Protein backbone atom coordinates (compact mmCIF):
# COMPACT_ATOMS: atom_id res chain seq x y z
CA MET A 1 3.09 -91.71 -51.95
CA SER A 2 2.09 -94.84 -53.87
CA GLY A 3 1.77 -98.26 -52.29
CA GLN A 4 1.85 -100.24 -55.53
CA GLY A 5 3.61 -103.52 -54.89
CA GLN A 6 2.70 -103.56 -51.19
CA GLY A 7 0.79 -106.42 -49.68
CA ASN A 8 -2.63 -106.13 -48.11
CA ARG A 9 -4.26 -108.41 -45.55
CA ALA A 10 -8.01 -108.47 -45.09
CA VAL A 11 -10.78 -110.31 -43.24
CA CYS A 12 -12.79 -112.46 -45.67
CA TYR A 13 -16.05 -114.34 -45.28
CA LEU A 14 -15.63 -118.06 -46.04
CA LYS A 15 -18.87 -119.81 -45.14
CA PRO A 16 -21.46 -119.64 -42.35
CA GLY A 17 -19.59 -119.30 -39.09
CA ALA A 18 -16.16 -118.82 -40.63
CA VAL A 19 -13.92 -115.90 -41.55
CA GLU A 20 -10.18 -115.78 -42.12
CA VAL A 21 -7.45 -113.25 -42.78
CA ARG A 22 -6.23 -113.52 -46.37
CA SER A 23 -3.79 -111.68 -48.59
CA ILE A 24 -5.62 -109.58 -51.19
CA ASP A 25 -4.55 -107.03 -53.78
CA TYR A 26 -3.39 -103.62 -52.70
CA PRO A 27 -6.14 -101.22 -53.75
CA ALA A 28 -5.99 -99.20 -56.95
CA LEU A 29 -8.03 -96.23 -58.13
CA GLU A 30 -10.27 -98.65 -59.97
CA LEU A 31 -12.89 -101.16 -58.83
CA ARG A 32 -11.57 -104.58 -59.83
CA ASP A 33 -13.47 -107.82 -60.19
CA GLY A 34 -13.80 -109.91 -57.07
CA PRO A 35 -16.25 -111.63 -54.72
CA GLY A 36 -19.50 -109.71 -54.59
CA VAL A 37 -18.50 -106.99 -57.06
CA ALA A 38 -21.41 -106.04 -59.31
CA LYS A 39 -20.38 -106.90 -62.86
CA GLU A 40 -21.45 -103.45 -64.03
CA ASN A 41 -18.98 -101.93 -61.54
CA VAL A 42 -15.97 -103.98 -62.65
CA GLY A 43 -13.35 -101.69 -64.15
CA ARG A 44 -15.00 -98.55 -62.82
CA LYS A 45 -12.39 -95.78 -62.66
CA VAL A 46 -12.10 -93.85 -59.40
CA PRO A 47 -10.05 -90.70 -60.07
CA HIS A 48 -12.10 -89.03 -57.33
CA GLY A 49 -10.95 -91.59 -54.75
CA VAL A 50 -8.20 -92.04 -52.20
CA ILE A 51 -6.33 -95.01 -50.78
CA LEU A 52 -6.28 -95.18 -47.01
CA LYS A 53 -4.04 -96.84 -44.49
CA VAL A 54 -6.65 -98.29 -42.15
CA LEU A 55 -6.10 -97.09 -38.60
CA ALA A 56 -9.24 -98.73 -37.19
CA SER A 57 -12.00 -100.90 -38.60
CA ASN A 58 -14.80 -102.29 -36.46
CA ILE A 59 -16.72 -105.54 -36.45
CA CYS A 60 -20.42 -104.71 -36.84
CA GLY A 61 -23.58 -106.65 -36.12
CA SER A 62 -24.46 -106.24 -39.79
CA ASP A 63 -21.25 -108.12 -40.64
CA GLN A 64 -22.32 -110.80 -38.20
CA HIS A 65 -25.56 -111.37 -40.12
CA MET A 66 -23.46 -112.30 -43.15
CA VAL A 67 -21.06 -114.46 -41.18
CA ARG A 68 -23.97 -116.39 -39.69
CA GLY A 69 -25.06 -117.24 -43.23
CA ARG A 70 -28.19 -115.10 -43.07
CA THR A 71 -27.50 -113.35 -46.38
CA THR A 72 -26.36 -114.34 -49.87
CA ALA A 73 -22.79 -113.15 -49.28
CA PRO A 74 -20.30 -115.02 -51.53
CA GLU A 75 -17.17 -116.79 -50.35
CA GLY A 76 -14.18 -114.48 -50.25
CA LEU A 77 -16.14 -111.26 -49.68
CA VAL A 78 -13.85 -108.79 -47.90
CA LEU A 79 -15.73 -107.54 -44.84
CA GLY A 80 -15.81 -104.20 -43.07
CA HIS A 81 -17.70 -100.95 -43.49
CA GLU A 82 -16.61 -99.06 -40.35
CA ILE A 83 -13.35 -97.41 -41.35
CA THR A 84 -11.06 -94.73 -39.95
CA GLY A 85 -7.81 -94.09 -41.77
CA GLU A 86 -4.93 -92.00 -43.01
CA VAL A 87 -4.77 -90.84 -46.63
CA LEU A 88 -1.80 -92.40 -48.45
CA GLU A 89 -2.66 -91.64 -52.07
CA ARG A 90 -5.26 -89.52 -53.81
CA GLY A 91 -6.70 -89.56 -57.30
CA PRO A 92 -6.18 -86.73 -59.79
CA ASP A 93 -9.73 -85.41 -59.27
CA VAL A 94 -9.42 -85.07 -55.49
CA GLU A 95 -9.11 -81.39 -54.61
CA PHE A 96 -9.49 -80.89 -50.86
CA VAL A 97 -8.48 -84.11 -49.13
CA LYS A 98 -4.70 -84.26 -48.70
CA VAL A 99 -2.15 -87.02 -48.24
CA GLY A 100 -1.61 -87.45 -44.49
CA ASP A 101 -5.14 -86.44 -43.48
CA ILE A 102 -6.79 -88.48 -40.72
CA VAL A 103 -10.36 -89.21 -41.79
CA SER A 104 -13.56 -91.00 -40.86
CA VAL A 105 -15.29 -92.90 -43.66
CA PRO A 106 -19.10 -93.02 -43.64
CA PHE A 107 -20.23 -96.57 -44.29
CA ASN A 108 -22.61 -95.19 -46.93
CA ILE A 109 -20.88 -94.73 -50.27
CA ALA A 110 -22.33 -91.64 -51.92
CA CYS A 111 -21.52 -89.77 -55.12
CA GLY A 112 -22.62 -86.34 -53.92
CA ARG A 113 -24.11 -85.62 -57.34
CA CYS A 114 -27.40 -87.48 -57.66
CA ARG A 115 -30.80 -86.24 -56.53
CA ASN A 116 -30.77 -88.24 -53.29
CA CYS A 117 -27.27 -87.13 -52.29
CA LYS A 118 -28.16 -83.51 -52.97
CA GLU A 119 -31.16 -83.93 -50.67
CA GLY A 120 -28.93 -85.34 -47.93
CA GLN A 121 -30.10 -88.93 -48.37
CA THR A 122 -26.61 -90.37 -48.76
CA GLY A 123 -27.72 -93.84 -47.67
CA ILE A 124 -29.61 -94.25 -50.93
CA CYS A 125 -27.23 -92.77 -53.49
CA LEU A 126 -28.35 -93.58 -57.04
CA ASN A 127 -24.95 -93.84 -58.72
CA VAL A 128 -22.81 -96.27 -56.73
CA ASN A 129 -24.67 -99.57 -56.86
CA PRO A 130 -26.18 -100.98 -60.07
CA ALA A 131 -28.50 -103.30 -58.12
CA ARG A 132 -30.39 -100.81 -55.95
CA PRO A 133 -30.07 -97.38 -54.33
CA GLY A 134 -27.32 -97.25 -51.72
CA ALA A 135 -23.92 -98.86 -51.34
CA ALA A 136 -21.49 -99.79 -48.58
CA TYR A 137 -18.02 -101.24 -48.21
CA GLY A 138 -17.69 -104.98 -47.80
CA TYR A 139 -21.38 -105.80 -47.84
CA VAL A 140 -23.47 -108.20 -49.89
CA ASP A 141 -25.52 -106.66 -52.71
CA MET A 142 -24.13 -103.20 -51.96
CA GLY A 143 -22.12 -102.66 -55.13
CA GLY A 144 -19.09 -104.77 -54.35
CA TRP A 145 -16.88 -102.01 -52.95
CA VAL A 146 -14.07 -103.81 -51.13
CA GLY A 147 -14.36 -103.85 -47.36
CA GLY A 148 -12.17 -102.06 -44.87
CA GLN A 149 -11.30 -104.80 -42.38
CA ALA A 150 -7.96 -104.67 -44.10
CA GLU A 151 -4.62 -102.89 -44.01
CA TYR A 152 -5.51 -100.62 -46.95
CA VAL A 153 -8.76 -99.67 -48.66
CA LEU A 154 -10.08 -97.60 -51.57
CA VAL A 155 -12.61 -94.83 -50.81
CA PRO A 156 -14.42 -93.22 -53.78
CA TYR A 157 -15.75 -89.64 -54.02
CA ALA A 158 -13.30 -88.67 -51.30
CA ASP A 159 -13.94 -84.93 -51.21
CA PHE A 160 -17.62 -85.57 -50.61
CA ASN A 161 -17.53 -88.63 -48.37
CA LEU A 162 -14.64 -88.17 -45.98
CA LEU A 163 -14.78 -86.36 -42.65
CA ARG A 164 -11.35 -84.81 -42.05
CA PHE A 165 -10.08 -84.15 -38.55
CA PRO A 166 -8.22 -80.81 -38.67
CA ASP A 167 -6.15 -81.56 -35.56
CA LYS A 168 -4.38 -84.79 -36.47
CA GLN A 169 -2.76 -85.23 -33.07
CA ALA A 170 -6.06 -84.81 -31.24
CA ALA A 171 -7.64 -87.28 -33.65
CA ARG A 172 -4.95 -89.89 -33.00
CA GLU A 173 -5.42 -89.47 -29.25
CA ARG A 174 -9.17 -90.08 -29.58
CA LEU A 175 -9.08 -92.68 -32.35
CA ILE A 176 -11.05 -95.35 -30.50
CA ASP A 177 -13.95 -92.98 -29.89
CA LEU A 178 -13.71 -91.42 -33.36
CA ALA A 179 -13.78 -94.92 -34.89
CA MET A 180 -17.45 -95.09 -33.86
CA LEU A 181 -18.32 -92.27 -36.29
CA ALA A 182 -18.21 -94.50 -39.37
CA ASP A 183 -21.43 -96.25 -38.44
CA ILE A 184 -22.73 -97.16 -35.01
CA PHE A 185 -22.69 -93.77 -33.33
CA PRO A 186 -24.48 -91.94 -36.18
CA THR A 187 -26.74 -94.96 -36.67
CA GLY A 188 -27.75 -95.02 -33.01
CA PHE A 189 -28.15 -91.24 -33.06
CA HIS A 190 -30.30 -91.47 -36.21
CA GLY A 191 -32.51 -94.02 -34.47
CA ALA A 192 -32.99 -91.66 -31.54
CA VAL A 193 -33.55 -88.58 -33.70
CA THR A 194 -36.09 -90.29 -35.95
CA ALA A 195 -37.89 -91.62 -32.87
CA GLY A 196 -38.35 -88.00 -31.80
CA VAL A 197 -36.12 -88.10 -28.73
CA GLY A 198 -35.62 -84.71 -27.09
CA VAL A 199 -35.26 -83.00 -23.75
CA GLY A 200 -37.31 -84.82 -21.12
CA SER A 201 -38.22 -87.79 -23.34
CA THR A 202 -38.72 -91.28 -22.03
CA VAL A 203 -37.10 -93.76 -24.39
CA TYR A 204 -36.97 -97.51 -24.87
CA VAL A 205 -34.13 -99.02 -26.90
CA ALA A 206 -34.64 -102.63 -27.97
CA GLY A 207 -31.28 -104.40 -28.11
CA ALA A 208 -28.15 -103.84 -26.01
CA GLY A 209 -25.66 -104.65 -28.72
CA PRO A 210 -23.30 -101.89 -29.87
CA VAL A 211 -25.91 -100.03 -31.96
CA GLY A 212 -28.44 -100.20 -29.15
CA LEU A 213 -25.89 -98.90 -26.65
CA ALA A 214 -24.97 -96.13 -29.08
CA ALA A 215 -28.66 -95.26 -29.44
CA ALA A 216 -28.99 -95.12 -25.66
CA ALA A 217 -25.94 -92.84 -25.33
CA SER A 218 -27.37 -90.72 -28.14
CA ALA A 219 -30.71 -90.40 -26.37
CA GLN A 220 -28.88 -89.15 -23.30
CA LEU A 221 -26.95 -86.66 -25.44
CA LEU A 222 -30.27 -85.43 -26.84
CA GLY A 223 -31.59 -84.77 -23.35
CA ALA A 224 -33.78 -87.78 -22.59
CA ALA A 225 -35.02 -87.98 -19.02
CA VAL A 226 -35.02 -91.78 -18.81
CA VAL A 227 -33.49 -94.31 -21.23
CA PHE A 228 -34.47 -97.98 -20.97
CA VAL A 229 -32.48 -100.67 -22.79
CA GLY A 230 -33.97 -104.12 -23.26
CA ASP A 231 -32.16 -107.36 -24.06
CA LEU A 232 -32.04 -111.08 -23.29
CA ASN A 233 -28.29 -110.94 -22.51
CA ARG A 234 -27.54 -109.97 -18.90
CA GLN A 235 -23.92 -109.01 -19.61
CA ARG A 236 -25.10 -106.51 -22.21
CA LEU A 237 -27.69 -105.13 -19.80
CA GLU A 238 -24.92 -104.58 -17.26
CA GLN A 239 -23.04 -102.58 -19.88
CA ALA A 240 -26.11 -100.40 -20.43
CA ARG A 241 -26.40 -99.78 -16.69
CA SER A 242 -22.73 -98.75 -16.58
CA PHE A 243 -23.57 -95.38 -18.16
CA GLY A 244 -26.85 -94.66 -16.47
CA CYS A 245 -29.52 -96.55 -18.40
CA GLU A 246 -32.46 -98.37 -16.87
CA THR A 247 -32.67 -101.94 -18.12
CA VAL A 248 -35.40 -104.33 -19.17
CA ASP A 249 -34.65 -108.06 -18.84
CA LEU A 250 -36.61 -109.60 -21.70
CA THR A 251 -36.20 -113.11 -20.30
CA ARG A 252 -38.93 -111.96 -17.92
CA GLY A 253 -41.35 -111.14 -20.74
CA GLU A 254 -42.71 -108.01 -22.37
CA PRO A 255 -41.12 -104.67 -21.37
CA GLY A 256 -44.25 -102.79 -20.25
CA GLU A 257 -44.35 -103.97 -16.64
CA GLN A 258 -40.65 -103.26 -16.05
CA ILE A 259 -41.03 -99.80 -17.61
CA ALA A 260 -44.02 -99.14 -15.34
CA ASP A 261 -41.90 -99.99 -12.29
CA VAL A 262 -39.85 -96.86 -13.06
CA LEU A 263 -42.28 -94.51 -14.80
CA GLY A 264 -45.56 -95.55 -13.26
CA VAL A 265 -46.97 -96.22 -16.73
CA PRO A 266 -46.06 -99.02 -19.19
CA GLU A 267 -45.35 -96.68 -22.10
CA VAL A 268 -42.58 -94.42 -23.36
CA ASP A 269 -42.49 -91.43 -25.69
CA ALA A 270 -40.07 -92.93 -28.21
CA ALA A 271 -38.49 -96.26 -29.09
CA VAL A 272 -35.56 -97.52 -31.15
CA ASP A 273 -35.31 -100.95 -32.80
CA ALA A 274 -31.61 -101.81 -32.67
CA VAL A 275 -32.18 -105.54 -33.21
CA GLY A 276 -33.47 -106.09 -36.73
CA PHE A 277 -34.54 -109.24 -38.50
CA GLU A 278 -32.82 -111.82 -36.26
CA ALA A 279 -35.07 -110.88 -33.35
CA ARG A 280 -36.20 -113.45 -30.82
CA GLY A 281 -39.39 -113.59 -28.81
CA HIS A 282 -39.42 -112.44 -25.20
CA GLY A 283 -38.92 -114.98 -22.44
CA ARG A 284 -36.33 -117.65 -21.70
CA SER A 285 -35.31 -119.85 -24.66
CA ALA A 286 -37.61 -117.87 -26.94
CA PRO A 287 -37.52 -118.88 -30.61
CA GLU A 288 -36.64 -116.52 -33.45
CA ALA A 289 -39.55 -114.29 -34.40
CA PRO A 290 -38.47 -111.55 -36.82
CA ALA A 291 -41.39 -109.17 -36.21
CA THR A 292 -41.25 -109.40 -32.41
CA VAL A 293 -39.38 -106.16 -31.78
CA LEU A 294 -41.50 -104.05 -34.12
CA ASN A 295 -44.74 -105.35 -32.63
CA SER A 296 -43.47 -104.96 -29.09
CA LEU A 297 -42.41 -101.38 -29.72
CA MET A 298 -45.85 -100.47 -31.05
CA SER A 299 -47.30 -101.75 -27.78
CA THR A 300 -44.70 -99.88 -25.74
CA VAL A 301 -44.77 -96.45 -27.43
CA ARG A 302 -47.53 -94.05 -26.43
CA ALA A 303 -50.11 -92.87 -28.94
CA GLY A 304 -48.58 -90.15 -31.07
CA GLY A 305 -45.03 -91.38 -30.51
CA ALA A 306 -42.49 -92.63 -33.00
CA LEU A 307 -40.25 -95.61 -33.77
CA GLY A 308 -36.73 -95.23 -35.11
CA ILE A 309 -35.70 -98.45 -36.84
CA PRO A 310 -31.94 -98.55 -37.56
CA GLY A 311 -31.91 -102.33 -36.98
CA LEU A 312 -31.23 -104.20 -40.21
CA TYR A 313 -34.04 -105.84 -42.18
CA VAL A 314 -33.26 -107.66 -45.42
CA THR A 315 -35.03 -108.73 -48.59
CA ASP A 316 -33.30 -112.15 -48.73
CA ASP A 317 -32.68 -114.28 -45.63
CA PRO A 318 -31.70 -117.88 -46.46
CA GLY A 319 -32.01 -118.78 -42.76
CA GLY A 320 -35.46 -117.29 -42.24
CA VAL A 321 -37.83 -119.18 -39.98
CA ASP A 322 -40.47 -119.53 -42.69
CA THR A 323 -41.16 -118.76 -46.35
CA ASP A 324 -42.25 -115.21 -45.61
CA ALA A 325 -39.23 -114.45 -43.44
CA ARG A 326 -36.89 -115.67 -46.17
CA THR A 327 -38.07 -112.78 -48.35
CA GLY A 328 -38.24 -110.20 -45.56
CA THR A 329 -42.03 -110.41 -45.37
CA LEU A 330 -42.91 -109.97 -41.70
CA LYS A 331 -46.18 -110.20 -39.78
CA VAL A 332 -46.19 -106.67 -38.41
CA ARG A 333 -49.21 -105.32 -36.48
CA LEU A 334 -49.49 -102.25 -38.66
CA GLY A 335 -53.07 -101.79 -37.53
CA LEU A 336 -51.84 -101.15 -33.99
CA GLY A 337 -49.33 -98.57 -35.20
CA TRP A 338 -52.02 -96.93 -37.32
CA ALA A 339 -54.47 -96.81 -34.43
CA LYS A 340 -51.85 -95.12 -32.22
CA SER A 341 -50.78 -92.67 -34.97
CA HIS A 342 -47.19 -93.87 -34.77
CA ARG A 343 -44.46 -92.55 -37.04
CA PHE A 344 -41.91 -95.01 -38.41
CA ALA A 345 -38.44 -94.30 -39.83
CA THR A 346 -36.41 -97.06 -41.47
CA GLY A 347 -33.37 -97.58 -43.66
CA GLN A 348 -29.65 -96.89 -43.61
CA CYS A 349 -28.52 -93.98 -41.50
CA PRO A 350 -27.26 -91.10 -43.69
CA VAL A 351 -24.02 -90.82 -41.72
CA MET A 352 -22.97 -87.51 -43.21
CA ARG A 353 -26.03 -85.84 -41.71
CA TYR A 354 -24.56 -86.31 -38.23
CA HIS A 355 -20.89 -87.27 -38.18
CA ARG A 356 -19.31 -83.79 -38.00
CA GLN A 357 -21.51 -82.76 -35.07
CA LEU A 358 -20.90 -86.04 -33.27
CA SER A 359 -17.15 -85.72 -33.79
CA MET A 360 -17.32 -82.37 -32.01
CA ALA A 361 -19.23 -83.96 -29.15
CA ILE A 362 -16.47 -86.57 -28.84
CA LEU A 363 -13.54 -84.17 -29.13
CA HIS A 364 -15.05 -81.81 -26.56
CA ASP A 365 -15.96 -84.55 -24.06
CA ARG A 366 -19.73 -84.25 -24.36
CA VAL A 367 -20.05 -88.00 -24.89
CA HIS A 368 -17.91 -91.08 -24.18
CA ILE A 369 -19.12 -93.38 -26.90
CA ALA A 370 -16.27 -95.93 -26.89
CA ARG A 371 -16.76 -96.48 -23.18
CA ALA A 372 -20.53 -96.80 -23.62
CA VAL A 373 -20.20 -99.58 -26.22
CA ASN A 374 -17.21 -101.19 -24.45
CA ALA A 375 -14.85 -100.76 -27.42
CA THR A 376 -12.19 -103.47 -27.35
CA VAL A 377 -9.09 -103.31 -29.58
CA ILE A 378 -7.75 -106.48 -31.20
CA GLY A 379 -5.30 -107.15 -34.01
CA LEU A 380 -6.42 -107.89 -37.55
CA GLU A 381 -5.25 -111.48 -37.16
CA ASP A 382 -7.59 -111.84 -34.17
CA ALA A 383 -10.70 -111.03 -36.21
CA PRO A 384 -11.92 -114.67 -36.34
CA ARG A 385 -11.86 -114.77 -32.54
CA GLY A 386 -13.64 -111.41 -32.37
CA TYR A 387 -16.39 -112.63 -34.66
CA ALA A 388 -16.81 -115.84 -32.67
CA GLU A 389 -17.01 -114.04 -29.33
CA PHE A 390 -19.39 -111.41 -30.68
CA ASP A 391 -21.62 -114.17 -32.04
CA GLN A 392 -21.70 -115.73 -28.58
CA GLY A 393 -23.05 -112.47 -27.13
CA ALA A 394 -19.90 -110.76 -25.84
CA SER A 395 -20.75 -107.27 -24.63
CA ARG A 396 -17.98 -105.64 -26.64
CA LYS A 397 -17.48 -103.55 -29.75
CA TYR A 398 -14.44 -105.09 -31.41
CA VAL A 399 -12.10 -102.60 -33.08
CA LEU A 400 -9.50 -104.05 -35.45
CA ASP A 401 -6.04 -102.43 -35.41
CA PRO A 402 -4.23 -103.53 -38.60
CA HIS A 403 -1.08 -101.42 -38.10
CA GLY A 404 -0.79 -100.99 -34.33
CA SER A 405 -2.10 -97.43 -34.63
CA LEU A 406 -4.25 -97.83 -31.51
CA LYS A 407 -1.41 -98.91 -29.25
CA GLY A 408 -1.56 -96.75 -26.15
CA VAL A 409 -4.88 -95.13 -27.16
CA ARG A 410 -7.60 -95.33 -24.51
CA ALA A 411 -11.32 -94.76 -24.69
CA ALA A 412 -12.16 -91.34 -23.28
């Protein structure tokens, strides 16, 4: 089936604080020129790719960084890197993915052929982005691959990248939960795994946004004894409590005392930074302080523990609070981490390392991830409202439904 001649609507970044739904080209098996596309990638043939009908595409906190004007994203950039879809068309080099398959798309774009991909480090593929290792859909400086907050999208290296759901009917019935596999569930899980979470662990997750909530649910799945979630937003803390987390109200100050109220000591075994570079200091009306979370976690994690850092940190931040922050240079207390023999893990989550296992946990009712992150379905045309509400701190994970595919689907 070919969709040539069809229209395509997509969510595009306009300027700080503004997005709109625009008509864009229907995708082809070639990377065309457009906003944010690396010039070296223009005209790149994609015989190994597929074109998807987008069944679900989520608004992510990483998208919100761009929409706030905290990156160098150009006007017209098509947003969206959390994609679940149905295969409409496949390139001549695609062997195993079939038309009609229901698939999850890792936000990392990976060739499957370079050294890093062969070592399982799909977040830093060497062949998909001329500017630096690693690429993603709809994201600034990530190769210019068109985003998936759209009706249709191109996915390269389909046989390698896509996670197929063998039971299509079961997948459609669990689409809202499965939509979390493209990014936030594996990302939160990666944060917990790299922090060393295991059976009986005590865990502190900084940030009760969707990734933080996913990290908390992941820590529970991994067998943690107690999971704390800290935030300044009381509505988000209520969401964390809804699935059994202890909470830390950061308007009251540093987390140690509140952790000690539960554990008897002010430290935990493992911590996850799900905030990133737009962090604020602790306390009411605290100003932005981009190293706050990292420094706080080093104080909060016991000696010999570890920090998983899936929260986004950037190399260019036009809105940084000072000259250092504008280049991603932060005043981190590395000496404290060194003295406590902490381990640190940073960077993009390699989604393919986890997504099959996590899909099984979803399909067999071992985890209710959409409920944990309060997944909320809206139409593609409602994306500007979703972005505005998310920016105001709404405790929701907005899931865009371009074709009405999620009508009648409920979170498990």
